[in-house]
Amino acid sequence: MRSRAADVLRPPHFYPEDGTMSLLSRLAARLRRYERTHNFTCDVCGREVFAGEHVCDSCRAALPAIGRHCPVCGRRVREEGVCAACKQRRPVAGKVRSCFSHEGEAARLVLRFKRGERYLACTLAEWMLPLLAAFPGTDALVPVPMTKRAKRRRGFDQTLLLARELSEGSGVPVLCAAEKRRDTPPQKSLSRSERAKNLEGCFRVADRAAVRGKTLLIVDDTYTTGATADELAAVLLRAGAKEVNALTFTSVEDKAPFGRK
């Protein structure tokens, strides 16, 4: 049964009145789950696994757990407390959490997912779901948007797919509250300040009423410098959101927080 709150949070430009997109999304999610329950190989190494499992014990143990983390940005830290980067510049998103450090098999899973292995959205979401408990009172999941041109190049919207899997597992609705107005140059080699400048003004909220007074959770695959989450969170807060946090599958440890400008 669809809740009234979920209907309110679904903007008309994404969910048609006849519910077609919502129905297709649910059918696609069920198909992916059917395929996974009938696939008995590890999503990481390809070894045979028991029914219902998607990652073997060896690969599960090899994934780089974050362990001790900053209570603000959620990234791995060497000492207890707020990391140096957050002390220097507080993130716009109130709280950020990630499942793994962006290295080794975790980083390779993200890369494979972005390169077209869409079924991995289920695997990533399964690890991310327990972390939703860190964000009580979340009204909606907001995937980081991409431009139509970027979506055509990639063939799919990976953060939207990830958000839908999280929604299917948690019952928290997806809200496509923002859109990306322009393509931005690749950010891989840019510093934090360069990334922030690169993203400045690239997001906009199409339906301000849909976010007003809501507690929102940004969904992305990786938290690198935080520039993307910061820019999107700032736009959502200016549009009237009550609170904005972020959840990602991996996060990059900032090993030189004061040396990078």
C-alpha atoms as a PDB file:
ATOM      1  CA  MET A   1       0.000   0.000   0.000  1.00  0.00           C
ATOM      2  CA  ARG A   2       1.449   3.367  -0.998  1.00  0.00           C
ATOM      3  CA  SER A   3       1.696   5.922   1.781  1.00  0.00           C
ATOM      4  CA  ARG A   4       0.374   9.455   1.377  1.00  0.00           C
ATOM      5  CA  ALA A   5       3.792  10.805   2.422  1.00  0.00           C
ATOM      6  CA  ALA A   6       5.471   8.881  -0.374  1.00  0.00           C
ATOM      7  CA  ASP A   7       3.043  10.342  -2.895  1.00  0.00           C
ATOM      8  CA  VAL A   8       3.755  13.858  -1.687  1.00  0.00           C
ATOM      9  CA  LEU A   9       7.480  13.321  -2.098  1.00  0.00           C
ATOM     10  CA  ARG A  10       7.223  12.071  -5.668  1.00  0.00           C
ATOM     11  CA  PRO A  11       7.512  15.059  -8.027  1.00  0.00           C
ATOM     12  CA  PRO A  12       5.259  14.851 -11.091  1.00  0.00           C
ATOM     13  CA  HIS A  13       8.129  15.306 -13.545  1.00  0.00           C
ATOM     14  CA  PHE A  14       9.531  11.949 -12.428  1.00  0.00           C
ATOM     15  CA  TYR A  15       6.553   9.893 -11.311  1.00  0.00           C
ATOM     16  CA  PRO A  16       3.662  10.171 -13.773  1.00  0.00           C
ATOM     17  CA  GLU A  17       0.128  10.402 -12.443  1.00  0.00           C
ATOM     18  CA  ASP A  18      -0.690   6.942 -13.758  1.00  0.00           C
ATOM     19  CA  GLY A  19       2.162   5.460 -11.704  1.00  0.00           C
ATOM     20  CA  THR A  20       3.831   3.948 -14.774  1.00  0.00           C
ATOM     21  CA  MET A  21       7.382   4.838 -13.774  1.00  0.00           C
ATOM     22  CA  SER A  22       6.827   3.653 -10.207  1.00  0.00           C
ATOM     23  CA  LEU A  23       5.425   0.341 -11.454  1.00  0.00           C
ATOM     24  CA  LEU A  24       8.275  -0.181 -13.916  1.00  0.00           C
ATOM     25  CA  SER A  25      10.827   0.607 -11.200  1.00  0.00           C
ATOM     26  CA  ARG A  26       9.305  -1.983  -8.875  1.00  0.00           C
ATOM     27  CA  LEU A  27       9.183  -4.603 -11.624  1.00  0.00           C
ATOM     28  CA  ALA A  28      12.824  -3.927 -12.552  1.00  0.00           C
ATOM     29  CA  ALA A  29      13.887  -4.233  -8.903  1.00  0.00           C
ATOM     30  CA  ARG A  30      12.041  -7.548  -8.552  1.00  0.00           C
ATOM     31  CA  LEU A  31      13.633  -8.861 -11.747  1.00  0.00           C
ATOM     32  CA  ARG A  32      17.106  -7.970 -10.463  1.00  0.00           C
ATOM     33  CA  ARG A  33      16.348  -9.741  -7.179  1.00  0.00           C
ATOM     34  CA  TYR A  34      15.091 -12.816  -9.043  1.00  0.00           C
ATOM     35  CA  GLU A  35      18.290 -12.925 -11.083  1.00  0.00           C
ATOM     36  CA  ARG A  36      20.393 -12.594  -7.949  1.00  0.00           C
ATOM     37  CA  THR A  37      18.586 -15.368  -6.067  1.00  0.00           C
ATOM     38  CA  HIS A  38      19.296 -17.656  -9.019  1.00  0.00           C
ATOM     39  CA  ASN A  39      22.944 -16.632  -9.343  1.00  0.00           C
ATOM     40  CA  PHE A  40      25.335 -18.628  -7.170  1.00  0.00           C
ATOM     41  CA  THR A  41      28.607 -16.829  -7.823  1.00  0.00           C
ATOM     42  CA  CYS A  42      30.406 -14.164  -5.802  1.00  0.00           C
ATOM     43  CA  ASP A  43      29.867 -10.653  -7.176  1.00  0.00           C
ATOM     44  CA  VAL A  44      33.518  -9.829  -6.459  1.00  0.00           C
ATOM     45  CA  CYS A  45      35.629 -12.833  -7.498  1.00  0.00           C
ATOM     46  CA  GLY A  46      33.150 -15.081  -9.335  1.00  0.00           C
ATOM     47  CA  ARG A  47      33.621 -18.101  -7.068  1.00  0.00           C
ATOM     48  CA  GLU A  48      30.653 -20.313  -6.306  1.00  0.00           C
ATOM     49  CA  VAL A  49      28.637 -19.309  -3.226  1.00  0.00           C
ATOM     50  CA  PHE A  50      25.613 -20.687  -1.375  1.00  0.00           C
ATOM     51  CA  ALA A  51      22.133 -19.679  -2.460  1.00  0.00           C
ATOM     52  CA  GLY A  52      21.148 -16.284  -1.097  1.00  0.00           C
ATOM     53  CA  GLU A  53      24.751 -15.108  -0.751  1.00  0.00           C
ATOM     54  CA  HIS A  54      26.303 -12.658  -3.187  1.00  0.00           C
ATOM     55  CA  VAL A  55      29.826 -12.251  -1.825  1.00  0.00           C
ATOM     56  CA  CYS A  56      32.054 -15.093  -0.632  1.00  0.00           C
ATOM     57  CA  ASP A  57      33.616 -15.096   2.856  1.00  0.00           C
ATOM     58  CA  SER A  58      37.107 -14.373   1.490  1.00  0.00           C
ATOM     59  CA  CYS A  59      36.024 -11.296  -0.450  1.00  0.00           C
ATOM     60  CA  ARG A  60      33.836 -10.099   2.411  1.00  0.00           C
ATOM     61  CA  ALA A  61      36.843 -10.236   4.740  1.00  0.00           C
ATOM     62  CA  ALA A  62      39.020  -8.439   2.166  1.00  0.00           C
ATOM     63  CA  LEU A  63      36.736  -5.398   1.864  1.00  0.00           C
ATOM     64  CA  PRO A  64      38.429  -2.399   3.547  1.00  0.00           C
ATOM     65  CA  ALA A  65      36.347  -1.621   6.633  1.00  0.00           C
ATOM     66  CA  ILE A  66      36.552   1.982   7.809  1.00  0.00           C
ATOM     67  CA  GLY A  67      36.653   1.212  11.519  1.00  0.00           C
ATOM     68  CA  ARG A  68      37.513   4.332  13.510  1.00  0.00           C
ATOM     69  CA  HIS A  69      35.907   7.258  11.700  1.00  0.00           C
ATOM     70  CA  CYS A  70      35.250  10.970  11.890  1.00  0.00           C
ATOM     71  CA  PRO A  71      31.828  11.577  13.505  1.00  0.00           C
ATOM     72  CA  VAL A  72      31.092  14.273  10.896  1.00  0.00           C
ATOM     73  CA  CYS A  73      32.287  13.073   7.461  1.00  0.00           C
ATOM     74  CA  GLY A  74      32.516   9.375   8.354  1.00  0.00           C
ATOM     75  CA  ARG A  75      35.945   8.919   6.778  1.00  0.00           C
ATOM     76  CA  ARG A  76      38.642   6.745   8.337  1.00  0.00           C
ATOM     77  CA  VAL A  77      40.754   8.519  10.955  1.00  0.00           C
ATOM     78  CA  ARG A  78      43.833   7.473  12.884  1.00  0.00           C
ATOM     79  CA  GLU A  79      42.771   9.067  16.154  1.00  0.00           C
ATOM     80  CA  GLU A  80      39.382   9.459  17.833  1.00  0.00           C
ATOM     81  CA  GLY A  81      37.455  12.653  17.191  1.00  0.00           C
ATOM     82  CA  VAL A  82      36.662  15.050  14.363  1.00  0.00           C
ATOM     83  CA  CYS A  83      39.159  14.790  11.498  1.00  0.00           C
ATOM     84  CA  ALA A  84      41.464  17.664  10.601  1.00  0.00           C
ATOM     85  CA  ALA A  85      39.641  18.307   7.309  1.00  0.00           C
ATOM     86  CA  CYS A  86      36.284  18.801   9.075  1.00  0.00           C
ATOM     87  CA  LYS A  87      37.903  21.005  11.711  1.00  0.00           C
ATOM     88  CA  GLN A  88      39.284  23.147   8.911  1.00  0.00           C
ATOM     89  CA  ARG A  89      36.047  23.252   6.923  1.00  0.00           C
ATOM     90  CA  ARG A  90      32.790  21.778   8.206  1.00  0.00           C
ATOM     91  CA  PRO A  91      30.819  19.896   5.518  1.00  0.00           C
ATOM     92  CA  VAL A  92      27.499  21.398   4.462  1.00  0.00           C
ATOM     93  CA  ALA A  93      25.836  17.988   4.787  1.00  0.00           C
ATOM     94  CA  GLY A  94      25.179  17.534   8.501  1.00  0.00           C
ATOM     95  CA  LYS A  95      26.485  13.971   8.709  1.00  0.00           C
ATOM     96  CA  VAL A  96      28.068  11.607   6.190  1.00  0.00           C
ATOM     97  CA  ARG A  97      28.475   7.837   6.470  1.00  0.00           C
ATOM     98  CA  SER A  98      30.126   5.275   4.169  1.00  0.00           C
ATOM     99  CA  CYS A  99      30.423   1.482   4.234  1.00  0.00           C
ATOM    100  CA  PHE A 100      34.052   1.068   3.185  1.00  0.00           C
ATOM    101  CA  SER A 101      37.224   2.963   2.473  1.00  0.00           C
ATOM    102  CA  HIS A 102      37.671   3.613  -1.255  1.00  0.00           C
ATOM    103  CA  GLU A 103      40.464   1.155  -1.953  1.00  0.00           C
ATOM    104  CA  GLY A 104      41.017  -2.449  -2.979  1.00  0.00           C
ATOM    105  CA  GLU A 105      37.952  -4.531  -3.792  1.00  0.00           C
ATOM    106  CA  ALA A 106      35.530  -1.823  -2.632  1.00  0.00           C
ATOM    107  CA  ALA A 107      36.950   0.689  -5.114  1.00  0.00           C
ATOM    108  CA  ARG A 108      36.873  -1.934  -7.865  1.00  0.00           C
ATOM    109  CA  LEU A 109      33.196  -2.683  -7.129  1.00  0.00           C
ATOM    110  CA  VAL A 110      32.341   1.007  -7.556  1.00  0.00           C
ATOM    111  CA  LEU A 111      34.286   1.164 -10.829  1.00  0.00           C
ATOM    112  CA  ARG A 112      32.579  -1.949 -12.204  1.00  0.00           C
ATOM    113  CA  PHE A 113      29.188  -0.552 -11.196  1.00  0.00           C
ATOM    114  CA  LYS A 114      29.865   2.742 -12.976  1.00  0.00           C
ATOM    115  CA  ARG A 115      31.102   0.913 -16.072  1.00  0.00           C
ATOM    116  CA  GLY A 116      27.810  -0.876 -16.541  1.00  0.00           C
ATOM    117  CA  GLU A 117      27.455  -3.835 -14.152  1.00  0.00           C
ATOM    118  CA  ARG A 118      24.079  -2.599 -12.968  1.00  0.00           C
ATOM    119  CA  TYR A 119      23.245  -5.687 -10.896  1.00  0.00           C
ATOM    120  CA  LEU A 120      25.894  -4.502  -8.411  1.00  0.00           C
ATOM    121  CA  ALA A 121      23.418  -1.840  -7.233  1.00  0.00           C
ATOM    122  CA  CYS A 122      21.777  -4.614  -5.190  1.00  0.00           C
ATOM    123  CA  THR A 123      25.105  -5.639  -3.648  1.00  0.00           C
ATOM    124  CA  LEU A 124      26.119  -2.081  -2.758  1.00  0.00           C
ATOM    125  CA  ALA A 125      22.670  -1.286  -1.367  1.00  0.00           C
ATOM    126  CA  GLU A 126      22.702  -4.372   0.868  1.00  0.00           C
ATOM    127  CA  TRP A 127      25.801  -3.046   2.628  1.00  0.00           C
ATOM    128  CA  MET A 128      24.450   0.499   2.764  1.00  0.00           C
ATOM    129  CA  LEU A 129      21.034  -0.391   4.199  1.00  0.00           C
ATOM    130  CA  PRO A 130      22.194  -0.933   7.818  1.00  0.00           C
ATOM    131  CA  LEU A 131      23.759   2.538   7.820  1.00  0.00           C
ATOM    132  CA  LEU A 132      20.329   4.107   7.313  1.00  0.00           C
ATOM    133  CA  ALA A 133      19.889   3.610  11.055  1.00  0.00           C
ATOM    134  CA  ALA A 134      22.372   6.482  11.517  1.00  0.00           C
ATOM    135  CA  PHE A 135      19.822   8.835   9.912  1.00  0.00           C
ATOM    136  CA  PRO A 136      16.553   8.520  11.860  1.00  0.00           C
ATOM    137  CA  GLY A 137      13.666  10.601  10.608  1.00  0.00           C
ATOM    138  CA  THR A 138      14.808  10.662   6.982  1.00  0.00           C
ATOM    139  CA  ASP A 139      11.888  11.683   4.756  1.00  0.00           C
ATOM    140  CA  ALA A 140      13.414  10.859   1.375  1.00  0.00           C
ATOM    141  CA  LEU A 141      16.516   9.634  -0.466  1.00  0.00           C
ATOM    142  CA  VAL A 142      17.983  12.124  -2.944  1.00  0.00           C
ATOM    143  CA  PRO A 143      20.294  10.610  -5.594  1.00  0.00           C
ATOM    144  CA  VAL A 144      23.066  12.873  -6.881  1.00  0.00           C
ATOM    145  CA  PRO A 145      21.710  13.907 -10.307  1.00  0.00           C
ATOM    146  CA  MET A 146      23.517  13.678 -13.618  1.00  0.00           C
ATOM    147  CA  THR A 147      22.843  15.523 -16.858  1.00  0.00           C
ATOM    148  CA  LYS A 148      20.834  13.885 -19.633  1.00  0.00           C
ATOM    149  CA  ARG A 149      23.934  13.893 -21.827  1.00  0.00           C
ATOM    150  CA  ALA A 150      25.996  12.097 -19.156  1.00  0.00           C
ATOM    151  CA  LYS A 151      23.219   9.549 -18.682  1.00  0.00           C
ATOM    152  CA  ARG A 152      23.132   8.850 -22.431  1.00  0.00           C
ATOM    153  CA  ARG A 153      26.903   8.333 -22.443  1.00  0.00           C
ATOM    154  CA  ARG A 154      26.840   5.932 -19.487  1.00  0.00           C
ATOM    155  CA  GLY A 155      23.568   4.290 -20.449  1.00  0.00           C
ATOM    156  CA  PHE A 156      22.028   4.535 -16.973  1.00  0.00           C
ATOM    157  CA  ASP A 157      21.930   6.700 -13.860  1.00  0.00           C
ATOM    158  CA  GLN A 158      23.924   4.773 -11.257  1.00  0.00           C
ATOM    159  CA  THR A 159      23.014   6.871  -8.203  1.00  0.00           C
ATOM    160  CA  LEU A 160      19.303   6.751  -9.035  1.00  0.00           C
ATOM    161  CA  LEU A 161      19.546   2.973  -9.406  1.00  0.00           C
ATOM    162  CA  LEU A 162      21.339   2.758  -6.050  1.00  0.00           C
ATOM    163  CA  ALA A 163      18.737   4.988  -4.362  1.00  0.00           C
ATOM    164  CA  ARG A 164      15.907   2.843  -5.729  1.00  0.00           C
ATOM    165  CA  GLU A 165      17.489  -0.300  -4.286  1.00  0.00           C
ATOM    166  CA  LEU A 166      17.848   1.411  -0.908  1.00  0.00           C
ATOM    167  CA  SER A 167      14.230   2.546  -1.113  1.00  0.00           C
ATOM    168  CA  GLU A 168      13.068  -0.971  -1.946  1.00  0.00           C
ATOM    169  CA  GLY A 169      14.860  -2.320   1.115  1.00  0.00           C
ATOM    170  CA  SER A 170      13.965   0.443   3.557  1.00  0.00           C
ATOM    171  CA  GLY A 171      10.623   1.876   2.471  1.00  0.00           C
ATOM    172  CA  VAL A 172      12.069   5.404   2.405  1.00  0.00           C
ATOM    173  CA  PRO A 173      10.906   7.036  -0.867  1.00  0.00           C
ATOM    174  CA  VAL A 174      13.225   8.363  -3.558  1.00  0.00           C
ATOM    175  CA  LEU A 175      12.934  12.073  -4.280  1.00  0.00           C
ATOM    176  CA  CYS A 176      14.532  13.337  -7.491  1.00  0.00           C
ATOM    177  CA  ALA A 177      14.557  16.819  -6.020  1.00  0.00           C
ATOM    178  CA  ALA A 178      17.470  18.294  -7.947  1.00  0.00           C
ATOM    179  CA  GLU A 179      18.739  18.347 -11.485  1.00  0.00           C
ATOM    180  CA  LYS A 180      22.193  18.961 -12.873  1.00  0.00           C
ATOM    181  CA  ARG A 181      22.114  21.881 -15.269  1.00  0.00           C
ATOM    182  CA  ARG A 182      25.445  21.357 -17.015  1.00  0.00           C
ATOM    183  CA  ASP A 183      28.173  18.808 -17.488  1.00  0.00           C
ATOM    184  CA  THR A 184      31.288  19.364 -15.399  1.00  0.00           C
ATOM    185  CA  PRO A 185      34.869  18.433 -16.306  1.00  0.00           C
ATOM    186  CA  PRO A 186      36.191  15.192 -14.732  1.00  0.00           C
ATOM    187  CA  GLN A 187      37.082  15.761 -11.082  1.00  0.00           C
ATOM    188  CA  LYS A 188      39.476  12.872 -10.524  1.00  0.00           C
ATOM    189  CA  SER A 189      42.668  14.969 -10.495  1.00  0.00           C
ATOM    190  CA  LEU A 190      41.214  18.115  -8.905  1.00  0.00           C
ATOM    191  CA  SER A 191      41.803  19.362  -5.352  1.00  0.00           C
ATOM    192  CA  ARG A 192      38.932  20.037  -2.963  1.00  0.00           C
ATOM    193  CA  SER A 193      38.788  23.747  -3.767  1.00  0.00           C
ATOM    194  CA  GLU A 194      39.020  23.053  -7.512  1.00  0.00           C
ATOM    195  CA  ARG A 195      36.202  20.513  -7.268  1.00  0.00           C
ATOM    196  CA  ALA A 196      34.031  22.997  -5.382  1.00  0.00           C
ATOM    197  CA  LYS A 197      34.623  25.660  -8.046  1.00  0.00           C
ATOM    198  CA  ASN A 198      33.974  23.115 -10.782  1.00  0.00           C
ATOM    199  CA  LEU A 199      30.564  22.225  -9.281  1.00  0.00           C
ATOM    200  CA  GLU A 200      29.475  25.722  -8.292  1.00  0.00           C
ATOM    201  CA  GLY A 201      25.987  26.473  -9.586  1.00  0.00           C
ATOM    202  CA  CYS A 202      25.574  23.164 -11.439  1.00  0.00           C
ATOM    203  CA  PHE A 203      22.603  21.901  -9.372  1.00  0.00           C
ATOM    204  CA  ARG A 204      19.125  23.351  -9.059  1.00  0.00           C
ATOM    205  CA  VAL A 205      15.920  22.295  -7.299  1.00  0.00           C
ATOM    206  CA  ALA A 206      13.005  22.042  -9.721  1.00  0.00           C
ATOM    207  CA  ASP A 207      10.259  21.680  -7.091  1.00  0.00           C
ATOM    208  CA  ARG A 208      11.026  23.631  -3.914  1.00  0.00           C
ATOM    209  CA  ALA A 209       7.728  22.625  -2.299  1.00  0.00           C
ATOM    210  CA  ALA A 210       8.789  18.960  -2.439  1.00  0.00           C
ATOM    211  CA  VAL A 211      11.841  19.547  -0.233  1.00  0.00           C
ATOM    212  CA  ARG A 212      10.541  22.260   2.097  1.00  0.00           C
ATOM    213  CA  GLY A 213      10.756  21.171   5.731  1.00  0.00           C
ATOM    214  CA  LYS A 214      12.059  17.689   4.833  1.00  0.00           C
ATOM    215  CA  THR A 215      14.999  15.747   6.253  1.00  0.00           C
ATOM    216  CA  LEU A 216      16.845  14.452   3.180  1.00  0.00           C
ATOM    217  CA  LEU A 217      19.584  11.893   2.627  1.00  0.00           C
ATOM    218  CA  ILE A 218      21.874  12.332  -0.397  1.00  0.00           C
ATOM    219  CA  VAL A 219      22.837   9.009  -2.000  1.00  0.00           C
ATOM    220  CA  ASP A 220      26.078   8.592  -3.955  1.00  0.00           C
ATOM    221  CA  ASP A 221      28.579   5.832  -4.678  1.00  0.00           C
ATOM    222  CA  THR A 222      31.728   7.575  -3.365  1.00  0.00           C
ATOM    223  CA  TYR A 223      32.574  10.441  -1.019  1.00  0.00           C
ATOM    224  CA  THR A 224      35.910  11.874  -2.144  1.00  0.00           C
ATOM    225  CA  THR A 225      36.512  15.450  -0.990  1.00  0.00           C
ATOM    226  CA  GLY A 226      32.853  16.092  -0.210  1.00  0.00           C
ATOM    227  CA  ALA A 227      32.515  18.804  -2.868  1.00  0.00           C
ATOM    228  CA  THR A 228      29.567  17.132  -4.633  1.00  0.00           C
ATOM    229  CA  ALA A 229      27.650  16.434  -1.422  1.00  0.00           C
ATOM    230  CA  ASP A 230      28.363  19.968  -0.181  1.00  0.00           C
ATOM    231  CA  GLU A 231      27.124  21.665  -3.340  1.00  0.00           C
ATOM    232  CA  LEU A 232      23.967  19.551  -3.538  1.00  0.00           C
ATOM    233  CA  ALA A 233      23.269  19.906   0.206  1.00  0.00           C
ATOM    234  CA  ALA A 234      23.644  23.688  -0.028  1.00  0.00           C
ATOM    235  CA  VAL A 235      21.134  23.853  -2.905  1.00  0.00           C
ATOM    236  CA  LEU A 236      18.632  21.665  -1.027  1.00  0.00           C
ATOM    237  CA  LEU A 237      18.968  23.717   2.166  1.00  0.00           C
ATOM    238  CA  ARG A 238      18.479  26.973   0.260  1.00  0.00           C
ATOM    239  CA  ALA A 239      15.318  25.452  -1.237  1.00  0.00           C
ATOM    240  CA  GLY A 240      13.946  24.936   2.269  1.00  0.00           C
ATOM    241  CA  ALA A 241      15.064  21.458   3.362  1.00  0.00           C
ATOM    242  CA  LYS A 242      15.160  21.102   7.144  1.00  0.00           C
ATOM    243  CA  GLU A 243      18.262  18.883   7.232  1.00  0.00           C
ATOM    244  CA  VAL A 244      20.508  17.218   4.654  1.00  0.00           C
ATOM    245  CA  ASN A 245      22.875  14.277   5.267  1.00  0.00           C
ATOM    246  CA  ALA A 246      24.722  11.922   2.917  1.00  0.00           C
ATOM    247  CA  LEU A 247      25.286   8.173   2.516  1.00  0.00           C
ATOM    248  CA  THR A 248      27.814   6.552   0.170  1.00  0.00           C
ATOM    249  CA  PHE A 249      29.235   3.097  -0.436  1.00  0.00           C
ATOM    250  CA  THR A 250      32.870   4.208  -0.126  1.00  0.00           C
ATOM    251  CA  SER A 251      34.787   7.237   1.086  1.00  0.00           C
ATOM    252  CA  VAL A 252      38.319   8.373   0.328  1.00  0.00           C
ATOM    253  CA  GLU A 253      40.566   8.861   3.328  1.00  0.00           C
ATOM    254  CA  ASP A 254      41.983  12.381   3.354  1.00  0.00           C
ATOM    255  CA  LYS A 255      45.646  11.736   4.129  1.00  0.00           C
ATOM    256  CA  ALA A 256      46.740  15.354   3.718  1.00  0.00           C
ATOM    257  CA  PRO A 257      43.858  17.435   5.128  1.00  0.00           C
ATOM    258  CA  PHE A 258      45.822  20.630   5.678  1.00  0.00           C
ATOM    259  CA  GLY A 259      48.109  20.454   2.677  1.00  0.00           C
ATOM    260  CA  ARG A 260      45.398  20.501   0.050  1.00  0.00           C
ATOM    261  CA  LYS A 261      43.681  23.765  -0.843  1.00  0.00           C
END
